Amino acid sequence: MPATTVNPVLRVAPAAPAEAAAHFRASLVFHADVSDVAAALAADGDPGFVVLDSRSTESWDQGHIPGAVHLPTALIPGQADRLLDRDVPVVTYCWGPGCNGATRAALALAELGYRVKEMLGGFEYWVREGFEFETWQGRTRRAPDPLTAPVQGDCGC
């Protein structure tokens, strides 16, 4: 009987559906999507969370989400209580998918007792999806990248 070759995708079998559902539900507890954050901030009323930019001052000055709180990760232990309300969930972001600054900031906040989520894609995807951002010169936006922002403005997720 010939040996069957299993492709790299299925070399490790997928999880059982219930196990997969638990994993993906848990992921959503910890993560927020750029488009969802933008939609919540654009809606009328209080979004129910605060956005925190954990990058350096130089990065903040290059551009940041309007209304975000600027608190570099290293300063969180000493300044979070002065800038954030413990009763309001925090959504952290950094540069983008290649940066774990938002993860480190979320960890620091969670260890201080804050409820926190990390915004996947960070500032890079905020800009790539065409959302407005702020610099020292004022508010601006770039044309959406068609690879990240569908024409209709909704990924259909």
C-alpha atoms as a PDB file:
ATOM      1  CA  MET A   1       0.000   0.000   0.000  1.00  0.00           C
ATOM      2  CA  PRO A   2       1.553   3.388  -0.998  1.00  0.00           C
ATOM      3  CA  ALA A   3       2.233   5.971   1.689  1.00  0.00           C
ATOM      4  CA  THR A   4      -0.011   8.995   1.511  1.00  0.00           C
ATOM      5  CA  THR A   5       1.542  12.434   1.684  1.00  0.00           C
ATOM      6  CA  VAL A   6      -0.237  15.005   3.775  1.00  0.00           C
ATOM      7  CA  ASN A   7       0.178  18.618   2.725  1.00  0.00           C
ATOM      8  CA  PRO A   8       1.701  21.133   5.168  1.00  0.00           C
ATOM      9  CA  VAL A   9      -1.680  22.707   5.926  1.00  0.00           C
ATOM     10  CA  LEU A  10      -3.207  19.466   7.158  1.00  0.00           C
ATOM     11  CA  ARG A  11      -0.068  17.874   8.639  1.00  0.00           C
ATOM     12  CA  VAL A  12      -1.506  18.994  11.978  1.00  0.00           C
ATOM     13  CA  ALA A  13      -5.244  18.344  11.831  1.00  0.00           C
ATOM     14  CA  PRO A  14      -7.665  21.232  12.418  1.00  0.00           C
ATOM     15  CA  ALA A  15      -9.187  21.492  15.864  1.00  0.00           C
ATOM     16  CA  ALA A  16     -12.606  20.074  16.605  1.00  0.00           C
ATOM     17  CA  PRO A  17     -15.341  22.657  15.924  1.00  0.00           C
ATOM     18  CA  ALA A  18     -16.101  23.294  19.609  1.00  0.00           C
ATOM     19  CA  GLU A  19     -12.405  23.724  20.386  1.00  0.00           C
ATOM     20  CA  ALA A  20     -11.985  26.071  17.418  1.00  0.00           C
ATOM     21  CA  ALA A  21     -15.016  28.126  18.484  1.00  0.00           C
ATOM     22  CA  ALA A  22     -13.587  28.525  21.997  1.00  0.00           C
ATOM     23  CA  HIS A  23     -10.227  29.619  20.589  1.00  0.00           C
ATOM     24  CA  PHE A  24     -11.659  32.202  18.189  1.00  0.00           C
ATOM     25  CA  ARG A  25     -14.106  33.523  20.814  1.00  0.00           C
ATOM     26  CA  ALA A  26     -11.153  33.989  23.172  1.00  0.00           C
ATOM     27  CA  SER A  27      -9.227  35.822  20.447  1.00  0.00           C
ATOM     28  CA  LEU A  28     -12.053  38.333  20.052  1.00  0.00           C
ATOM     29  CA  VAL A  29     -11.927  39.021  23.788  1.00  0.00           C
ATOM     30  CA  PHE A  30      -8.374  40.303  23.326  1.00  0.00           C
ATOM     31  CA  HIS A  31      -8.448  41.945  19.891  1.00  0.00           C
ATOM     32  CA  ALA A  32     -10.307  44.671  18.027  1.00  0.00           C
ATOM     33  CA  ASP A  33     -10.240  45.352  14.293  1.00  0.00           C
ATOM     34  CA  VAL A  34      -9.228  48.757  12.886  1.00  0.00           C
ATOM     35  CA  SER A  35     -12.522  49.091  11.002  1.00  0.00           C
ATOM     36  CA  ASP A  36     -14.566  48.243  14.099  1.00  0.00           C
ATOM     37  CA  VAL A  37     -12.666  50.790  16.196  1.00  0.00           C
ATOM     38  CA  ALA A  38     -13.145  53.448  13.508  1.00  0.00           C
ATOM     39  CA  ALA A  39     -16.872  52.704  13.236  1.00  0.00           C
ATOM     40  CA  ALA A  40     -17.335  52.887  17.011  1.00  0.00           C
ATOM     41  CA  LEU A  41     -15.458  56.197  17.210  1.00  0.00           C
ATOM     42  CA  ALA A  42     -17.457  57.643  14.293  1.00  0.00           C
ATOM     43  CA  ALA A  43     -20.849  56.676  15.736  1.00  0.00           C
ATOM     44  CA  ASP A  44     -22.829  59.153  17.781  1.00  0.00           C
ATOM     45  CA  GLY A  45     -22.213  58.989  21.497  1.00  0.00           C
ATOM     46  CA  ASP A  46     -19.582  57.475  23.704  1.00  0.00           C
ATOM     47  CA  PRO A  47     -17.910  54.407  22.141  1.00  0.00           C
ATOM     48  CA  GLY A  48     -17.450  52.892  25.605  1.00  0.00           C
ATOM     49  CA  PHE A  49     -13.653  52.678  25.349  1.00  0.00           C
ATOM     50  CA  VAL A  50     -10.588  54.877  25.069  1.00  0.00           C
ATOM     51  CA  VAL A  51      -7.891  54.440  22.413  1.00  0.00           C
ATOM     52  CA  LEU A  52      -4.282  54.472  23.621  1.00  0.00           C
ATOM     53  CA  ASP A  53      -1.257  55.074  21.388  1.00  0.00           C
ATOM     54  CA  SER A  54       1.714  53.328  23.005  1.00  0.00           C
ATOM     55  CA  ARG A  55       4.369  54.625  20.585  1.00  0.00           C
ATOM     56  CA  SER A  56       7.157  57.144  21.132  1.00  0.00           C
ATOM     57  CA  THR A  57       6.586  60.891  20.983  1.00  0.00           C
ATOM     58  CA  GLU A  58       8.347  61.024  17.605  1.00  0.00           C
ATOM     59  CA  SER A  59       5.956  58.407  16.232  1.00  0.00           C
ATOM     60  CA  TRP A  60       2.934  60.163  17.767  1.00  0.00           C
ATOM     61  CA  ASP A  61       4.011  63.391  16.068  1.00  0.00           C
ATOM     62  CA  GLN A  62       4.132  61.641  12.674  1.00  0.00           C
ATOM     63  CA  GLY A  63       0.444  60.814  13.063  1.00  0.00           C
ATOM     64  CA  HIS A  64      -2.059  59.326  15.470  1.00  0.00           C
ATOM     65  CA  ILE A  65      -5.738  58.470  15.774  1.00  0.00           C
ATOM     66  CA  PRO A  66      -7.770  61.592  16.632  1.00  0.00           C
ATOM     67  CA  GLY A  67      -8.815  61.536  20.271  1.00  0.00           C
ATOM     68  CA  ALA A  68      -6.288  58.867  21.252  1.00  0.00           C
ATOM     69  CA  VAL A  69      -4.424  59.133  24.532  1.00  0.00           C
ATOM     70  CA  HIS A  70      -0.658  59.159  24.068  1.00  0.00           C
ATOM     71  CA  LEU A  71       1.081  57.009  26.670  1.00  0.00           C
ATOM     72  CA  PRO A  72       4.283  55.227  25.661  1.00  0.00           C
ATOM     73  CA  THR A  73       4.506  51.743  27.135  1.00  0.00           C
ATOM     74  CA  ALA A  74       7.447  52.556  29.408  1.00  0.00           C
ATOM     75  CA  LEU A  75       5.399  55.326  31.072  1.00  0.00           C
ATOM     76  CA  ILE A  76       2.254  53.263  31.715  1.00  0.00           C
ATOM     77  CA  PRO A  77       3.099  52.192  35.291  1.00  0.00           C
ATOM     78  CA  GLY A  78       3.676  55.771  36.420  1.00  0.00           C
ATOM     79  CA  GLN A  79       1.035  57.632  34.423  1.00  0.00           C
ATOM     80  CA  ALA A  80      -1.893  55.337  33.587  1.00  0.00           C
ATOM     81  CA  ASP A  81      -3.865  56.216  36.706  1.00  0.00           C
ATOM     82  CA  ARG A  82      -3.550  59.933  35.902  1.00  0.00           C
ATOM     83  CA  LEU A  83      -4.686  59.569  32.276  1.00  0.00           C
ATOM     84  CA  LEU A  84      -7.123  56.644  32.246  1.00  0.00           C
ATOM     85  CA  ASP A  85     -10.327  55.685  34.024  1.00  0.00           C
ATOM     86  CA  ARG A  86     -10.195  52.097  35.331  1.00  0.00           C
ATOM     87  CA  ASP A  87     -13.898  51.695  34.553  1.00  0.00           C
ATOM     88  CA  VAL A  88     -13.405  52.381  30.827  1.00  0.00           C
ATOM     89  CA  PRO A  89     -11.903  49.661  28.605  1.00  0.00           C
ATOM     90  CA  VAL A  90      -8.716  50.613  26.750  1.00  0.00           C
ATOM     91  CA  VAL A  91      -7.852  49.718  23.135  1.00  0.00           C
ATOM     92  CA  THR A  92      -4.091  49.874  22.546  1.00  0.00           C
ATOM     93  CA  TYR A  93      -2.270  50.361  19.263  1.00  0.00           C
ATOM     94  CA  CYS A  94       1.272  50.792  17.996  1.00  0.00           C
ATOM     95  CA  TRP A  95       2.764  50.981  14.476  1.00  0.00           C
ATOM     96  CA  GLY A  96       1.366  47.848  12.882  1.00  0.00           C
ATOM     97  CA  PRO A  97       1.442  44.089  12.578  1.00  0.00           C
ATOM     98  CA  GLY A  98       5.248  44.001  12.738  1.00  0.00           C
ATOM     99  CA  CYS A  99       5.308  45.777  16.102  1.00  0.00           C
ATOM    100  CA  ASN A 100       4.383  44.262  19.455  1.00  0.00           C
ATOM    101  CA  GLY A 101       4.223  47.575  21.293  1.00  0.00           C
ATOM    102  CA  ALA A 102       0.434  47.424  21.593  1.00  0.00           C
ATOM    103  CA  THR A 103       0.712  43.936  23.075  1.00  0.00           C
ATOM    104  CA  ARG A 104       3.276  45.109  25.631  1.00  0.00           C
ATOM    105  CA  ALA A 105       1.118  48.130  26.484  1.00  0.00           C
ATOM    106  CA  ALA A 106      -1.964  45.925  26.862  1.00  0.00           C
ATOM    107  CA  LEU A 107      -0.034  43.622  29.189  1.00  0.00           C
ATOM    108  CA  ALA A 108       1.176  46.549  31.307  1.00  0.00           C
ATOM    109  CA  LEU A 109      -2.371  47.908  31.588  1.00  0.00           C
ATOM    110  CA  ALA A 110      -3.886  44.511  32.382  1.00  0.00           C
ATOM    111  CA  GLU A 111      -1.309  44.015  35.135  1.00  0.00           C
ATOM    112  CA  LEU A 112      -2.465  47.337  36.599  1.00  0.00           C
ATOM    113  CA  GLY A 113      -6.098  46.188  36.576  1.00  0.00           C
ATOM    114  CA  TYR A 114      -7.404  47.781  33.354  1.00  0.00           C
ATOM    115  CA  ARG A 115      -9.684  45.979  30.907  1.00  0.00           C
ATOM    116  CA  VAL A 116      -7.888  46.083  27.594  1.00  0.00           C
ATOM    117  CA  LYS A 117      -7.932  45.000  23.956  1.00  0.00           C
ATOM    118  CA  GLU A 118      -5.291  45.335  21.274  1.00  0.00           C
ATOM    119  CA  MET A 119      -6.186  46.919  17.926  1.00  0.00           C
ATOM    120  CA  LEU A 120      -4.952  44.595  15.196  1.00  0.00           C
ATOM    121  CA  GLY A 121      -3.122  46.336  12.363  1.00  0.00           C
ATOM    122  CA  GLY A 122      -2.154  49.356  14.434  1.00  0.00           C
ATOM    123  CA  PHE A 123      -1.627  52.811  13.025  1.00  0.00           C
ATOM    124  CA  GLU A 124      -0.373  51.376   9.726  1.00  0.00           C
ATOM    125  CA  TYR A 125      -3.708  49.785   8.915  1.00  0.00           C
ATOM    126  CA  TRP A 126      -5.628  52.767  10.269  1.00  0.00           C
ATOM    127  CA  VAL A 127      -3.925  54.892   7.619  1.00  0.00           C
ATOM    128  CA  ARG A 128      -4.030  52.184   4.922  1.00  0.00           C
ATOM    129  CA  GLU A 129      -7.792  51.841   5.349  1.00  0.00           C
ATOM    130  CA  GLY A 130      -8.172  55.568   4.712  1.00  0.00           C
ATOM    131  CA  PHE A 131      -9.265  56.712   8.156  1.00  0.00           C
ATOM    132  CA  GLU A 132      -8.545  60.252   9.289  1.00  0.00           C
ATOM    133  CA  PHE A 133      -5.450  60.798  11.412  1.00  0.00           C
ATOM    134  CA  GLU A 134      -3.901  63.760  13.155  1.00  0.00           C
ATOM    135  CA  THR A 135      -0.430  65.342  13.032  1.00  0.00           C
ATOM    136  CA  TRP A 136       0.925  68.568  14.484  1.00  0.00           C
ATOM    137  CA  GLN A 137      -0.291  70.190  11.230  1.00  0.00           C
ATOM    138  CA  GLY A 138      -3.900  69.070  11.744  1.00  0.00           C
ATOM    139  CA  ARG A 139      -6.143  66.283  10.525  1.00  0.00           C
ATOM    140  CA  THR A 140      -5.577  64.478   7.242  1.00  0.00           C
ATOM    141  CA  ARG A 141      -6.146  61.139   5.518  1.00  0.00           C
ATOM    142  CA  ARG A 142      -4.707  59.128   2.678  1.00  0.00           C
ATOM    143  CA  ALA A 143      -6.549  57.319  -0.053  1.00  0.00           C
ATOM    144  CA  PRO A 144      -7.495  53.815   1.067  1.00  0.00           C
ATOM    145  CA  ASP A 145      -5.186  51.004   0.004  1.00  0.00           C
ATOM    146  CA  PRO A 146      -7.354  48.695  -2.168  1.00  0.00           C
ATOM    147  CA  LEU A 147      -5.598  45.680  -0.635  1.00  0.00           C
ATOM    148  CA  THR A 148      -6.791  46.560   2.872  1.00  0.00           C
ATOM    149  CA  ALA A 149      -9.915  48.670   2.390  1.00  0.00           C
ATOM    150  CA  PRO A 150     -12.625  47.413   0.036  1.00  0.00           C
ATOM    151  CA  VAL A 151     -14.277  49.963  -2.211  1.00  0.00           C
ATOM    152  CA  GLN A 152     -17.482  49.913  -0.185  1.00  0.00           C
ATOM    153  CA  GLY A 153     -15.560  50.589   3.054  1.00  0.00           C
ATOM    154  CA  ASP A 154     -16.671  47.290   4.602  1.00  0.00           C
ATOM    155  CA  CYS A 155     -14.654  44.106   4.458  1.00  0.00           C
ATOM    156  CA  GLY A 156     -17.850  42.085   4.765  1.00  0.00           C
ATOM    157  CA  CYS A 157     -16.484  40.479   7.912  1.00  0.00           C
END
